């Protein structure tokens, strides 16, 4: 079994990332799983009437890529996700390639808690989401 890093194996400035191109199928699957059938995501005719002029990806689908980094890479398996602040800066469009990046900015060894700067950037290197995650890495042993 793969184990994530413990707090003593992590330093301020450590970073990791995960990249994915968001497909129309991803959007429909996310809508089905969450029940979020907002026409801005699924109905081309209605979406053209919005400020974006086309269908856009659910914000939390894009933000979910941050969870992939935290749960698989840094800190990795065994991580407990305690909280996340998010700012949605630009819409993510179907076919965009999103790179979720996390960087350790604060470390509290006594409480076994990390704060990580989080961001998602698109294929044009534009920030689409920023925020801060609070996590508890796996315990030693």
Protein backbone atom coordinates (compact mmCIF):
# COMPACT_ATOMS: atom_id res chain seq x y z
CA UNK A 1 0.00 0.00 0.00
CA UNK A 2 1.30 3.45 -0.95
CA UNK A 3 1.57 5.82 1.99
CA UNK A 4 1.56 9.60 1.93
CA UNK A 5 4.19 11.75 3.55
CA UNK A 6 4.16 12.54 7.25
CA UNK A 7 4.55 16.12 8.45
CA UNK A 8 8.26 15.61 9.25
CA UNK A 9 8.86 14.61 5.60
CA UNK A 10 7.30 17.84 4.28
CA UNK A 11 8.89 21.28 4.06
CA UNK A 12 7.53 24.74 3.42
CA UNK A 13 7.87 25.34 -0.31
CA UNK A 14 7.27 21.71 -1.31
CA UNK A 15 4.87 21.53 -4.24
CA UNK A 16 3.08 19.08 -6.52
CA UNK A 17 0.62 19.25 -9.41
CA UNK A 18 -1.91 17.30 -11.47
CA UNK A 19 -3.09 18.14 -14.97
CA UNK A 20 -6.25 17.11 -16.81
CA UNK A 21 -8.11 18.16 -19.92
CA UNK A 22 -11.79 18.58 -19.01
CA UNK A 23 -14.12 16.87 -21.48
CA UNK A 24 -17.83 17.18 -22.10
CA UNK A 25 -18.18 13.66 -20.66
CA UNK A 26 -16.47 14.79 -17.43
CA UNK A 27 -19.02 17.61 -17.09
CA UNK A 28 -22.01 15.32 -17.66
CA UNK A 29 -20.66 12.71 -15.22
CA UNK A 30 -20.08 15.39 -12.58
CA UNK A 31 -23.63 16.71 -13.09
CA UNK A 32 -25.02 13.19 -12.65
CA UNK A 33 -22.99 12.50 -9.52
CA UNK A 34 -23.75 15.82 -7.82
CA UNK A 35 -27.21 16.59 -9.18
CA UNK A 36 -26.03 20.00 -10.40
CA UNK A 37 -27.87 20.28 -13.72
CA UNK A 38 -27.45 24.04 -14.07
CA UNK A 39 -28.07 24.91 -17.75
CA UNK A 40 -24.85 26.97 -17.75
CA UNK A 41 -23.05 23.63 -17.82
CA UNK A 42 -25.37 21.40 -19.84
CA UNK A 43 -27.66 23.40 -22.14
CA UNK A 44 -25.90 25.09 -25.05
CA UNK A 45 -28.87 27.29 -25.97
CA UNK A 46 -29.38 28.56 -22.42
CA UNK A 47 -25.64 28.90 -21.76
CA UNK A 48 -25.28 31.25 -24.75
CA UNK A 49 -27.54 33.69 -22.87
CA UNK A 50 -25.15 33.88 -19.89
CA UNK A 51 -22.25 36.30 -19.41
CA UNK A 52 -19.91 33.55 -20.65
CA UNK A 53 -21.72 33.01 -23.96
CA UNK A 54 -21.15 29.25 -23.88
CA UNK A 55 -21.29 26.24 -21.58
CA UNK A 56 -18.70 26.22 -18.80
CA UNK A 57 -17.31 23.54 -16.51
CA UNK A 58 -18.65 23.31 -12.94
CA UNK A 59 -16.34 25.28 -10.65
CA UNK A 60 -16.12 22.44 -8.16
CA UNK A 61 -15.20 19.95 -10.88
CA UNK A 62 -12.14 22.06 -11.63
CA UNK A 63 -11.43 22.59 -7.93
CA UNK A 64 -11.67 18.82 -7.44
CA UNK A 65 -8.34 18.49 -9.22
CA UNK A 66 -6.77 20.10 -6.14
CA UNK A 67 -8.11 17.20 -4.10
CA UNK A 68 -6.37 14.81 -6.48
CA UNK A 69 -3.01 16.45 -5.77
CA UNK A 70 -3.54 16.44 -2.01
CA UNK A 71 -4.83 12.87 -1.81
CA UNK A 72 -2.39 11.25 -4.21
CA UNK A 73 0.83 13.29 -4.14
CA UNK A 74 1.29 15.93 -1.44
CA UNK A 75 0.85 14.94 1.29
CA UNK A 76 -0.65 11.86 -0.45
CA UNK A 77 -2.59 8.78 0.70
CA UNK A 78 -3.83 9.05 4.28
CA UNK A 79 -4.32 12.81 4.09
CA UNK A 80 -7.40 14.25 5.80
CA UNK A 81 -8.81 17.28 3.95
CA UNK A 82 -9.93 19.74 6.65
CA UNK A 83 -10.89 22.79 4.62
CA UNK A 84 -10.51 24.79 1.44
CA UNK A 85 -10.94 28.46 0.59
CA UNK A 86 -11.57 29.07 -3.11
CA UNK A 87 -11.77 32.05 -5.45
CA UNK A 88 -13.05 31.41 -8.96
CA UNK A 89 -11.28 33.91 -11.22
CA UNK A 90 -12.13 32.78 -14.77
CA UNK A 91 -14.48 30.21 -16.26
CA UNK A 92 -13.14 26.84 -17.29
CA UNK A 93 -14.39 25.83 -20.72
CA UNK A 94 -14.92 22.41 -22.25
CA UNK A 95 -11.59 21.18 -23.59
CA UNK A 96 -9.47 23.36 -21.29
CA UNK A 97 -6.42 21.69 -19.79
CA UNK A 98 -6.27 22.54 -16.10
CA UNK A 99 -3.15 22.19 -13.98
CA UNK A 100 -3.86 22.06 -10.22
CA UNK A 101 -0.83 23.12 -8.19
CA UNK A 102 -0.35 23.02 -4.42
CA UNK A 103 2.49 24.49 -2.38
CA UNK A 104 3.11 24.12 1.36
CA UNK A 105 2.99 27.56 2.99
CA UNK A 106 2.52 26.74 6.67
CA UNK A 107 3.40 23.79 8.89
CA UNK A 108 2.17 23.14 12.46
CA UNK A 109 3.94 19.98 13.62
CA UNK A 110 2.35 20.08 17.08
CA UNK A 111 -1.17 19.85 15.62
CA UNK A 112 -0.10 17.87 12.50
CA UNK A 113 -1.68 20.46 10.19
CA UNK A 114 -0.47 21.94 6.92
CA UNK A 115 -1.71 24.92 4.94
CA UNK A 116 -1.12 24.84 1.20
CA UNK A 117 -1.53 27.55 -1.40
CA UNK A 118 -3.71 26.09 -4.14
CA UNK A 119 -4.27 27.23 -7.68
CA UNK A 120 -5.56 25.97 -10.98
CA UNK A 121 -4.21 27.37 -14.22
CA UNK A 122 -5.42 26.75 -17.75
CA UNK A 123 -3.44 25.93 -20.88
CA UNK A 124 -2.85 29.68 -21.43
CA UNK A 125 -1.18 29.93 -18.00
CA UNK A 126 -4.16 31.95 -16.69
CA UNK A 127 -5.17 31.42 -13.07
CA UNK A 128 -8.76 30.20 -12.96
CA UNK A 129 -8.93 29.26 -9.27
CA UNK A 130 -6.86 30.28 -6.23
CA UNK A 131 -7.16 29.40 -2.58
CA UNK A 132 -5.72 27.83 0.52
CA UNK A 133 -6.19 24.22 1.67
CA UNK A 134 -5.88 22.98 5.24
CA UNK A 135 -4.94 19.31 5.60
CA UNK A 136 -3.73 16.79 8.10
CA UNK A 137 -1.07 14.47 6.67
CA UNK A 138 -0.98 10.82 7.70
CA UNK A 139 0.39 9.98 11.13
CA UNK A 140 3.84 8.47 11.46
CA UNK A 141 4.07 4.70 11.43
